[in-house]
Amino acid sequence: MVEVYDKGQIVIPKYIRDMLHLVPGTQLNARVEARKIILEPADDYFEEFERLTSHPAHSDQETEKRIEIAKKKMLAGWGRVP
């Protein structure tokens, strides 16, 4: 359960952010379906993440490095990182 704050803000629980690899600056598409609010990461987020993680990594460190590269590329593309 999440709470709606004064400005209409909510906090997405950490376990969900971790599952979807959501980081500060991630853009979400929002829509309403049958009295439900649906939040989905923008398509380009998943495309970039899947591209960088589609080939097996040789180590956990390599996997983490690929994820960090994907995050930086996406955030830079959205004008969030200089």
Protein backbone atom coordinates (compact mmCIF):
# COMPACT_ATOMS: atom_id res chain seq x y z
CA MET A 1 0.00 0.00 0.00
CA VAL A 2 1.25 3.48 -0.81
CA GLU A 3 0.06 6.88 0.37
CA VAL A 4 -0.72 9.86 -1.86
CA TYR A 5 0.97 13.02 -0.55
CA ASP A 6 -0.11 16.67 -0.83
CA LYS A 7 1.26 17.22 -4.33
CA GLY A 8 -0.11 13.90 -5.62
CA GLN A 9 3.24 12.18 -5.12
CA ILE A 10 3.61 8.52 -4.17
CA VAL A 11 6.61 6.40 -3.24
CA ILE A 12 7.11 3.23 -5.27
CA PRO A 13 8.23 0.53 -2.79
CA LYS A 14 11.94 -0.30 -2.97
CA TYR A 15 11.41 -3.96 -3.85
CA ILE A 16 9.42 -2.89 -6.94
CA ARG A 17 12.04 -0.28 -7.92
CA ASP A 18 14.71 -2.96 -7.57
CA MET A 19 12.76 -5.54 -9.59
CA LEU A 20 12.27 -3.08 -12.46
CA HIS A 21 15.69 -1.43 -12.10
CA LEU A 22 14.07 1.98 -11.63
CA VAL A 23 16.55 4.72 -10.74
CA PRO A 24 16.05 8.44 -10.02
CA GLY A 25 15.17 10.10 -13.30
CA THR A 26 13.49 7.05 -14.84
CA GLN A 27 10.51 8.24 -16.85
CA LEU A 28 7.22 6.39 -16.45
CA ASN A 29 4.16 6.42 -18.65
CA ALA A 30 0.95 6.78 -16.61
CA ARG A 31 -2.58 5.84 -17.60
CA VAL A 32 -5.89 4.79 -16.08
CA GLU A 33 -7.55 1.44 -16.83
CA ALA A 34 -10.78 0.44 -15.15
CA ARG A 35 -10.15 2.53 -12.01
CA LYS A 36 -6.51 1.39 -11.83
CA ILE A 37 -3.46 3.59 -12.23
CA ILE A 38 -0.91 1.89 -14.49
CA LEU A 39 2.71 3.09 -14.38
CA GLU A 40 5.11 1.68 -16.96
CA PRO A 41 8.75 2.53 -17.63
CA ALA A 42 9.19 4.23 -21.00
CA ASP A 43 9.97 1.73 -23.79
CA ASP A 44 13.47 3.05 -24.44
CA TYR A 45 14.44 2.24 -20.85
CA PHE A 46 13.78 -1.48 -21.27
CA GLU A 47 15.20 -1.62 -24.78
CA GLU A 48 18.53 -0.20 -23.61
CA PHE A 49 18.59 -2.40 -20.50
CA GLU A 50 17.81 -5.55 -22.50
CA ARG A 51 20.40 -4.69 -25.15
CA LEU A 52 23.17 -4.33 -22.58
CA THR A 53 22.17 -7.44 -20.64
CA SER A 54 21.22 -9.75 -23.54
CA HIS A 55 24.65 -11.41 -23.74
CA PRO A 56 25.84 -13.42 -20.74
CA ALA A 57 28.26 -11.55 -18.52
CA HIS A 58 31.39 -13.30 -17.30
CA SER A 59 30.96 -12.03 -13.75
CA ASP A 60 28.61 -10.24 -11.38
CA GLN A 61 30.88 -7.21 -11.63
CA GLU A 62 30.47 -7.15 -15.42
CA THR A 63 26.70 -7.39 -15.05
CA GLU A 64 26.67 -4.48 -12.59
CA LYS A 65 28.90 -2.46 -14.90
CA ARG A 66 26.52 -3.06 -17.82
CA ILE A 67 23.55 -1.97 -15.70
CA GLU A 68 25.34 1.22 -14.63
CA ILE A 69 26.23 2.02 -18.24
CA ALA A 70 22.58 1.53 -19.26
CA LYS A 71 21.38 3.81 -16.45
CA LYS A 72 23.85 6.56 -17.37
CA LYS A 73 22.99 6.38 -21.08
CA MET A 74 19.27 6.58 -20.39
CA LEU A 75 19.56 9.42 -17.89
CA ALA A 76 21.88 11.34 -20.22
CA GLY A 77 19.38 10.88 -23.03
CA TRP A 78 16.67 12.41 -20.85
CA GLY A 79 18.81 15.42 -19.97
CA ARG A 80 19.28 14.37 -16.35
CA VAL A 81 23.05 13.82 -16.44
CA PRO A 82 25.48 16.43 -17.83
